[in-house]
Amino acid sequence: MFEIAKGYPEKPVPIKDIAEKQAVSVAYLEQILNKLKNGGLIRSVKGPGGGYVLSKKPENVSISAILNELEGPVAITSCLDPEEGCVRVDGCVTYMLWKSLGEKIDAFLKTVTLKDLITGTLFKKNFPPRAGSPRRTSRPRRKSSK
């Protein structure tokens, strides 16, 4: 998606170029791109100069949406996997811990877009401070010893 987003909006990116830049086989990449295409995140452009393009602007494509198309919902452990499920959910003391962590990760990934990755603004966003950590605004100045 990163390589395709870099070509947005006017330049379709050939699968061969993506495979080369990301060091993956074309066959493997075809599987990934088909999932993304079926999910409506990309589309293919046929003919000379063809390739893959984003279906939406990079700022409208969250990392969460990409991961959901490729892997399904965030599941920290196999017991949270919707297909496998947890056989011990009623007696498990950590089930809610992992469920809550997965929800927090997904909430974060919904705030990160392809544009953030392309422009490098991900870590420039104003995320809330960690719970329990003091917010440091500036260092106190030392007095001069003259």
N, C-alpha and C. Protein backbone atom coordinates (compact mmCIF):
# COMPACT_ATOMS: atom_id res chain seq x y z
N MET A 1 0.83 -1.20 0.00
CA MET A 1 0.00 0.00 0.00
C MET A 1 0.87 1.25 0.00
N PHE A 2 1.99 1.18 0.69
CA PHE A 2 2.89 2.32 0.76
C PHE A 2 3.38 2.71 -0.64
N GLU A 3 3.82 1.72 -1.40
CA GLU A 3 4.33 1.99 -2.75
C GLU A 3 3.22 2.53 -3.65
N ILE A 4 2.03 1.99 -3.52
CA ILE A 4 0.89 2.45 -4.33
C ILE A 4 0.51 3.87 -3.92
N ALA A 5 0.52 4.14 -2.63
CA ALA A 5 0.16 5.47 -2.14
C ALA A 5 1.14 6.53 -2.61
N LYS A 6 2.41 6.17 -2.75
CA LYS A 6 3.40 7.14 -3.23
C LYS A 6 3.09 7.58 -4.66
N GLY A 7 2.43 6.74 -5.45
CA GLY A 7 2.07 7.09 -6.82
C GLY A 7 0.75 7.83 -6.95
N TYR A 8 0.02 7.96 -5.84
CA TYR A 8 -1.31 8.57 -5.87
C TYR A 8 -1.21 10.04 -6.23
N PRO A 9 -2.13 10.60 -7.03
CA PRO A 9 -3.28 9.97 -7.65
C PRO A 9 -3.05 9.56 -9.10
N GLU A 10 -1.99 10.08 -9.72
CA GLU A 10 -1.90 9.93 -11.17
C GLU A 10 -1.07 8.77 -11.68
N LYS A 11 -0.32 8.10 -10.85
CA LYS A 11 0.61 7.11 -11.37
C LYS A 11 0.31 5.68 -10.90
N PRO A 12 -0.28 4.85 -11.78
CA PRO A 12 -0.46 3.45 -11.41
C PRO A 12 0.90 2.78 -11.21
N VAL A 13 0.99 1.93 -10.20
CA VAL A 13 2.26 1.28 -9.88
C VAL A 13 2.19 -0.19 -10.31
N PRO A 14 3.08 -0.60 -11.23
CA PRO A 14 3.09 -2.00 -11.67
C PRO A 14 3.46 -2.95 -10.53
N ILE A 15 2.86 -4.12 -10.54
CA ILE A 15 3.09 -5.11 -9.49
C ILE A 15 4.58 -5.49 -9.41
N LYS A 16 5.23 -5.54 -10.56
CA LYS A 16 6.66 -5.89 -10.60
C LYS A 16 7.49 -4.87 -9.82
N ASP A 17 7.15 -3.59 -9.94
CA ASP A 17 7.88 -2.54 -9.22
C ASP A 17 7.68 -2.66 -7.71
N ILE A 18 6.44 -2.95 -7.31
CA ILE A 18 6.15 -3.10 -5.88
C ILE A 18 6.93 -4.29 -5.33
N ALA A 19 6.88 -5.41 -6.04
CA ALA A 19 7.57 -6.62 -5.60
C ALA A 19 9.06 -6.38 -5.44
N GLU A 20 9.63 -5.67 -6.39
CA GLU A 20 11.06 -5.37 -6.35
C GLU A 20 11.41 -4.48 -5.16
N LYS A 21 10.66 -3.41 -4.97
CA LYS A 21 10.95 -2.47 -3.89
C LYS A 21 10.71 -3.07 -2.51
N GLN A 22 9.76 -3.98 -2.40
CA GLN A 22 9.43 -4.57 -1.10
C GLN A 22 10.08 -5.95 -0.89
N ALA A 23 10.84 -6.40 -1.87
CA ALA A 23 11.56 -7.68 -1.79
C ALA A 23 10.63 -8.86 -1.49
N VAL A 24 9.52 -8.93 -2.24
CA VAL A 24 8.59 -10.06 -2.13
C VAL A 24 8.33 -10.59 -3.54
N SER A 25 7.89 -11.83 -3.61
CA SER A 25 7.61 -12.42 -4.93
C SER A 25 6.32 -11.84 -5.50
N VAL A 26 6.25 -11.81 -6.82
CA VAL A 26 5.06 -11.32 -7.51
C VAL A 26 3.86 -12.21 -7.15
N ALA A 27 4.08 -13.52 -7.06
CA ALA A 27 2.98 -14.44 -6.73
C ALA A 27 2.39 -14.13 -5.36
N TYR A 28 3.24 -13.89 -4.38
CA TYR A 28 2.77 -13.56 -3.03
C TYR A 28 2.06 -12.20 -3.04
N LEU A 29 2.64 -11.25 -3.73
CA LEU A 29 2.06 -9.91 -3.81
C LEU A 29 0.70 -9.93 -4.49
N GLU A 30 0.51 -10.79 -5.48
CA GLU A 30 -0.79 -10.91 -6.14
C GLU A 30 -1.87 -11.31 -5.15
N GLN A 31 -1.54 -12.20 -4.23
CA GLN A 31 -2.51 -12.62 -3.20
C GLN A 31 -2.90 -11.43 -2.31
N ILE A 32 -1.90 -10.67 -1.91
CA ILE A 32 -2.15 -9.50 -1.05
C ILE A 32 -2.98 -8.46 -1.79
N LEU A 33 -2.58 -8.15 -3.02
CA LEU A 33 -3.28 -7.12 -3.79
C LEU A 33 -4.71 -7.53 -4.11
N ASN A 34 -4.96 -8.81 -4.32
CA ASN A 34 -6.34 -9.27 -4.55
C ASN A 34 -7.21 -9.02 -3.33
N LYS A 35 -6.68 -9.26 -2.14
CA LYS A 35 -7.45 -8.99 -0.91
C LYS A 35 -7.76 -7.50 -0.79
N LEU A 36 -6.76 -6.67 -1.07
CA LEU A 36 -6.95 -5.22 -0.97
C LEU A 36 -7.92 -4.72 -2.03
N LYS A 37 -7.86 -5.32 -3.21
CA LYS A 37 -8.77 -4.95 -4.30
C LYS A 37 -10.20 -5.37 -3.96
N ASN A 38 -10.37 -6.58 -3.47
CA ASN A 38 -11.70 -7.06 -3.08
C ASN A 38 -12.28 -6.24 -1.93
N GLY A 39 -11.41 -5.68 -1.09
CA GLY A 39 -11.85 -4.84 0.01
C GLY A 39 -12.10 -3.40 -0.39
N GLY A 40 -11.87 -3.07 -1.66
CA GLY A 40 -12.15 -1.72 -2.14
C GLY A 40 -11.09 -0.69 -1.81
N LEU A 41 -9.91 -1.12 -1.38
CA LEU A 41 -8.87 -0.17 -1.03
C LEU A 41 -8.01 0.24 -2.22
N ILE A 42 -7.90 -0.65 -3.21
CA ILE A 42 -7.14 -0.35 -4.42
C ILE A 42 -7.94 -0.81 -5.63
N ARG A 43 -7.50 -0.37 -6.80
CA ARG A 43 -8.08 -0.87 -8.04
C ARG A 43 -6.95 -1.02 -9.05
N SER A 44 -7.19 -1.85 -10.04
CA SER A 44 -6.15 -2.07 -11.06
C SER A 44 -6.47 -1.28 -12.31
N VAL A 45 -5.42 -0.83 -12.97
CA VAL A 45 -5.53 -0.10 -14.22
C VAL A 45 -4.86 -0.99 -15.28
N LYS A 46 -5.62 -1.37 -16.29
CA LYS A 46 -5.13 -2.28 -17.33
C LYS A 46 -4.39 -1.52 -18.42
N GLY A 47 -3.60 -2.26 -19.19
CA GLY A 47 -2.95 -1.71 -20.37
C GLY A 47 -1.57 -1.14 -20.10
N PRO A 48 -0.95 -0.57 -21.16
CA PRO A 48 0.38 0.03 -21.01
C PRO A 48 0.33 1.15 -19.98
N GLY A 49 1.31 1.18 -19.12
CA GLY A 49 1.33 2.19 -18.06
C GLY A 49 0.38 1.86 -16.94
N GLY A 50 -0.16 0.65 -16.96
CA GLY A 50 -1.11 0.24 -15.93
C GLY A 50 -0.43 -0.23 -14.66
N GLY A 51 -1.24 -0.61 -13.72
CA GLY A 51 -0.75 -1.05 -12.42
C GLY A 51 -1.85 -0.90 -11.40
N TYR A 52 -1.46 -0.61 -10.18
CA TYR A 52 -2.43 -0.46 -9.09
C TYR A 52 -2.44 0.97 -8.58
N VAL A 53 -3.65 1.44 -8.24
CA VAL A 53 -3.83 2.78 -7.66
C VAL A 53 -4.75 2.66 -6.44
N LEU A 54 -4.65 3.63 -5.57
CA LEU A 54 -5.55 3.68 -4.42
C LEU A 54 -6.95 4.01 -4.88
N SER A 55 -7.94 3.47 -4.20
CA SER A 55 -9.34 3.81 -4.49
C SER A 55 -9.76 5.07 -3.75
N LYS A 56 -9.00 5.44 -2.72
CA LYS A 56 -9.30 6.62 -1.91
C LYS A 56 -8.02 7.43 -1.72
N LYS A 57 -8.16 8.65 -1.27
CA LYS A 57 -6.99 9.47 -0.95
C LYS A 57 -6.22 8.82 0.19
N PRO A 58 -4.88 8.96 0.21
CA PRO A 58 -4.07 8.36 1.28
C PRO A 58 -4.51 8.78 2.68
N GLU A 59 -5.01 9.99 2.82
CA GLU A 59 -5.45 10.45 4.15
C GLU A 59 -6.76 9.80 4.59
N ASN A 60 -7.43 9.11 3.67
CA ASN A 60 -8.69 8.43 3.99
C ASN A 60 -8.53 6.92 4.11
N VAL A 61 -7.29 6.44 4.11
CA VAL A 61 -7.04 5.00 4.25
C VAL A 61 -6.28 4.77 5.55
N SER A 62 -6.96 4.20 6.53
CA SER A 62 -6.31 3.94 7.82
C SER A 62 -5.54 2.63 7.78
N ILE A 63 -4.54 2.54 8.62
CA ILE A 63 -3.77 1.30 8.73
C ILE A 63 -4.68 0.20 9.26
N SER A 64 -5.63 0.54 10.10
CA SER A 64 -6.60 -0.43 10.60
C SER A 64 -7.38 -1.06 9.45
N ALA A 65 -7.83 -0.25 8.49
CA ALA A 65 -8.60 -0.77 7.35
C ALA A 65 -7.76 -1.74 6.53
N ILE A 66 -6.49 -1.41 6.34
CA ILE A 66 -5.60 -2.28 5.57
C ILE A 66 -5.41 -3.61 6.28
N LEU A 67 -5.09 -3.55 7.58
CA LEU A 67 -4.87 -4.78 8.34
C LEU A 67 -6.13 -5.63 8.43
N ASN A 68 -7.28 -4.99 8.55
CA ASN A 68 -8.54 -5.75 8.59
C ASN A 68 -8.77 -6.51 7.30
N GLU A 69 -8.44 -5.91 6.17
CA GLU A 69 -8.60 -6.60 4.88
C GLU A 69 -7.62 -7.77 4.76
N LEU A 70 -6.40 -7.57 5.24
CA LEU A 70 -5.37 -8.60 5.07
C LEU A 70 -5.41 -9.69 6.13
N GLU A 71 -5.67 -9.29 7.38
CA GLU A 71 -5.55 -10.24 8.50
C GLU A 71 -6.83 -10.43 9.30
N GLY A 72 -7.80 -9.56 9.12
CA GLY A 72 -8.99 -9.59 9.95
C GLY A 72 -8.79 -8.69 11.17
N PRO A 73 -9.73 -8.70 12.10
CA PRO A 73 -9.63 -7.83 13.28
C PRO A 73 -8.38 -8.14 14.11
N VAL A 74 -7.91 -7.11 14.82
CA VAL A 74 -6.74 -7.27 15.70
C VAL A 74 -7.08 -8.31 16.76
N ALA A 75 -6.25 -9.33 16.85
CA ALA A 75 -6.42 -10.37 17.87
C ALA A 75 -5.06 -10.64 18.49
N ILE A 76 -4.87 -10.18 19.72
CA ILE A 76 -3.59 -10.31 20.40
C ILE A 76 -3.24 -11.77 20.66
N THR A 77 -4.23 -12.57 20.97
CA THR A 77 -4.02 -13.99 21.22
C THR A 77 -5.03 -14.78 20.39
N SER A 78 -4.78 -16.07 20.24
CA SER A 78 -5.69 -16.89 19.43
C SER A 78 -7.08 -16.99 20.06
N CYS A 79 -7.17 -16.79 21.38
CA CYS A 79 -8.49 -16.88 22.01
C CYS A 79 -9.40 -15.72 21.60
N LEU A 80 -8.82 -14.65 21.06
CA LEU A 80 -9.62 -13.51 20.59
C LEU A 80 -9.98 -13.63 19.11
N ASP A 81 -9.40 -14.60 18.45
CA ASP A 81 -9.68 -14.81 17.04
C ASP A 81 -11.15 -15.19 16.87
N PRO A 82 -11.90 -14.45 16.03
CA PRO A 82 -13.33 -14.72 15.88
C PRO A 82 -13.63 -16.15 15.39
N GLU A 83 -12.72 -16.73 14.64
CA GLU A 83 -12.95 -18.09 14.13
C GLU A 83 -12.64 -19.15 15.18
N GLU A 84 -11.57 -18.94 15.95
CA GLU A 84 -11.18 -19.94 16.95
C GLU A 84 -11.95 -19.77 18.25
N GLY A 85 -12.03 -18.53 18.73
CA GLY A 85 -12.73 -18.27 19.98
C GLY A 85 -11.98 -18.79 21.20
N CYS A 86 -12.50 -18.47 22.36
CA CYS A 86 -11.88 -18.88 23.62
C CYS A 86 -12.77 -19.92 24.29
N VAL A 87 -12.20 -21.06 24.58
CA VAL A 87 -12.97 -22.12 25.24
C VAL A 87 -13.05 -21.90 26.74
N ARG A 88 -12.20 -21.01 27.28
CA ARG A 88 -12.17 -20.78 28.72
C ARG A 88 -12.62 -19.36 29.09
N VAL A 89 -13.35 -18.70 28.23
CA VAL A 89 -13.68 -17.29 28.45
C VAL A 89 -14.32 -17.02 29.81
N ASP A 90 -15.15 -17.92 30.30
CA ASP A 90 -15.81 -17.69 31.59
C ASP A 90 -14.85 -17.77 32.77
N GLY A 91 -13.80 -18.56 32.67
CA GLY A 91 -12.88 -18.71 33.79
C GLY A 91 -11.52 -18.09 33.56
N CYS A 92 -11.34 -17.38 32.47
CA CYS A 92 -10.03 -16.82 32.13
C CYS A 92 -9.87 -15.43 32.74
N VAL A 93 -8.82 -15.25 33.53
CA VAL A 93 -8.62 -13.96 34.19
C VAL A 93 -7.95 -12.93 33.27
N THR A 94 -7.37 -13.37 32.15
CA THR A 94 -6.69 -12.41 31.28
C THR A 94 -7.45 -12.10 29.99
N TYR A 95 -8.57 -12.76 29.77
CA TYR A 95 -9.33 -12.56 28.53
C TYR A 95 -9.64 -11.08 28.30
N MET A 96 -10.18 -10.41 29.30
CA MET A 96 -10.56 -9.00 29.14
C MET A 96 -9.34 -8.10 28.97
N LEU A 97 -8.22 -8.48 29.55
CA LEU A 97 -6.98 -7.73 29.37
C LEU A 97 -6.58 -7.73 27.89
N TRP A 98 -6.53 -8.92 27.29
CA TRP A 98 -6.14 -9.03 25.89
C TRP A 98 -7.17 -8.39 24.97
N LYS A 99 -8.44 -8.54 25.30
CA LYS A 99 -9.51 -7.93 24.49
C LYS A 99 -9.38 -6.41 24.51
N SER A 100 -9.18 -5.85 25.69
CA SER A 100 -9.04 -4.40 25.83
C SER A 100 -7.79 -3.89 25.10
N LEU A 101 -6.69 -4.62 25.23
CA LEU A 101 -5.46 -4.22 24.54
C LEU A 101 -5.67 -4.22 23.03
N GLY A 102 -6.31 -5.25 22.51
CA GLY A 102 -6.59 -5.32 21.07
C GLY A 102 -7.44 -4.15 20.61
N GLU A 103 -8.43 -3.77 21.41
CA GLU A 103 -9.30 -2.64 21.07
C GLU A 103 -8.52 -1.33 21.06
N LYS A 104 -7.59 -1.18 22.01
CA LYS A 104 -6.78 0.04 22.07
C LYS A 104 -5.82 0.12 20.87
N ILE A 105 -5.24 -1.01 20.51
CA ILE A 105 -4.36 -1.04 19.34
C ILE A 105 -5.15 -0.68 18.09
N ASP A 106 -6.33 -1.27 17.92
CA ASP A 106 -7.14 -0.98 16.75
C ASP A 106 -7.57 0.49 16.73
N ALA A 107 -7.93 1.03 17.88
CA ALA A 107 -8.31 2.45 17.94
C ALA A 107 -7.14 3.34 17.50
N PHE A 108 -5.93 3.00 17.93
CA PHE A 108 -4.75 3.75 17.51
C PHE A 108 -4.54 3.63 16.00
N LEU A 109 -4.61 2.40 15.48
CA LEU A 109 -4.38 2.17 14.05
C LEU A 109 -5.43 2.87 13.18
N LYS A 110 -6.61 3.12 13.73
CA LYS A 110 -7.63 3.87 12.99
C LYS A 110 -7.25 5.33 12.83
N THR A 111 -6.37 5.84 13.70
CA THR A 111 -5.95 7.24 13.63
C THR A 111 -4.75 7.44 12.71
N VAL A 112 -4.10 6.36 12.31
CA VAL A 112 -2.91 6.44 11.47
C VAL A 112 -3.31 6.14 10.02
N THR A 113 -2.92 7.02 9.12
CA THR A 113 -3.28 6.85 7.71
C THR A 113 -2.05 6.61 6.84
N LEU A 114 -2.30 6.21 5.62
CA LEU A 114 -1.20 6.07 4.66
C LEU A 114 -0.48 7.39 4.47
N LYS A 115 -1.22 8.49 4.48
CA LYS A 115 -0.58 9.80 4.32
C LYS A 115 0.40 10.06 5.46
N ASP A 116 0.05 9.65 6.68
CA ASP A 116 0.96 9.81 7.82
C ASP A 116 2.28 9.08 7.56
N LEU A 117 2.20 7.89 6.98
CA LEU A 117 3.42 7.12 6.72
C LEU A 117 4.24 7.73 5.58
N ILE A 118 3.56 8.19 4.54
CA ILE A 118 4.26 8.77 3.39
C ILE A 118 4.97 10.06 3.77
N THR A 119 4.28 10.91 4.52
CA THR A 119 4.84 12.23 4.86
C THR A 119 5.69 12.22 6.12
N GLY A 120 5.66 11.12 6.85
CA GLY A 120 6.45 11.04 8.08
C GLY A 120 5.83 11.80 9.24
N THR A 121 4.54 12.11 9.16
CA THR A 121 3.90 12.90 10.22
C THR A 121 3.36 12.05 11.36
N LEU A 122 3.52 10.74 11.29
CA LEU A 122 2.96 9.87 12.32
C LEU A 122 3.37 10.29 13.72
N PHE A 123 4.65 10.52 13.92
CA PHE A 123 5.12 10.83 15.26
C PHE A 123 5.06 12.32 15.58
N LYS A 124 4.55 13.10 14.65
CA LYS A 124 4.35 14.52 14.90
C LYS A 124 2.93 14.81 15.35
N LYS A 125 2.06 13.78 15.31
CA LYS A 125 0.69 13.96 15.76
C LYS A 125 0.68 14.19 17.26
N ASN A 126 -0.34 14.88 17.71
CA ASN A 126 -0.47 15.15 19.14
C ASN A 126 -1.26 14.05 19.82
N PHE A 127 -0.57 12.96 20.15
CA PHE A 127 -1.22 11.88 20.87
C PHE A 127 -1.29 12.26 22.34
N PRO A 128 -2.30 11.79 23.05
CA PRO A 128 -2.40 12.11 24.47
C PRO A 128 -1.22 11.51 25.23
N PRO A 129 -0.81 12.16 26.34
CA PRO A 129 0.31 11.61 27.12
C PRO A 129 -0.09 10.28 27.74
N ARG A 130 0.90 9.45 28.03
CA ARG A 130 0.63 8.17 28.68
C ARG A 130 0.06 8.43 30.06
N ALA A 131 -0.83 7.55 30.47
CA ALA A 131 -1.45 7.67 31.79
C ALA A 131 -0.36 7.59 32.86
N GLY A 132 -0.42 8.49 33.81
CA GLY A 132 0.52 8.47 34.92
C GLY A 132 1.85 9.12 34.63
N SER A 133 2.07 9.59 33.40
CA SER A 133 3.36 10.23 33.11
C SER A 133 3.17 11.74 33.11
N PRO A 134 4.06 12.44 33.79
CA PRO A 134 3.94 13.90 33.82
C PRO A 134 4.25 14.48 32.44
N ARG A 135 3.59 15.56 32.14
CA ARG A 135 3.82 16.21 30.86
C ARG A 135 4.91 17.25 31.04
N ARG A 136 6.00 17.07 30.35
CA ARG A 136 7.14 17.96 30.48
C ARG A 136 7.07 19.00 29.37
N THR A 137 7.10 20.26 29.75
CA THR A 137 7.02 21.31 28.74
C THR A 137 8.40 21.86 28.41
N SER A 138 9.21 22.09 29.41
CA SER A 138 10.57 22.57 29.16
C SER A 138 11.43 22.24 30.37
N ARG A 139 12.73 22.27 30.15
CA ARG A 139 13.66 22.01 31.24
C ARG A 139 13.89 23.30 32.02
N PRO A 140 14.00 23.18 33.34
CA PRO A 140 14.34 24.38 34.11
C PRO A 140 15.77 24.80 33.78
N ARG A 141 16.00 26.08 33.73
CA ARG A 141 17.34 26.60 33.43
C ARG A 141 18.21 26.56 34.67
N ARG A 142 19.47 26.22 34.45
CA ARG A 142 20.44 26.23 35.56
C ARG A 142 20.94 27.65 35.76
N LYS A 143 21.19 27.95 37.02
CA LYS A 143 21.74 29.27 37.32
C LYS A 143 23.22 29.28 36.98
N SER A 144 23.65 30.38 36.47
CA SER A 144 25.05 30.54 36.11
C SER A 144 25.88 30.68 37.38
N SER A 145 27.06 30.05 37.41
CA SER A 145 27.92 30.14 38.60
C SER A 145 29.06 31.10 38.34
N LYS A 146 28.77 32.38 38.41
CA LYS A 146 29.79 33.42 38.18
C LYS A 146 30.23 34.01 39.45
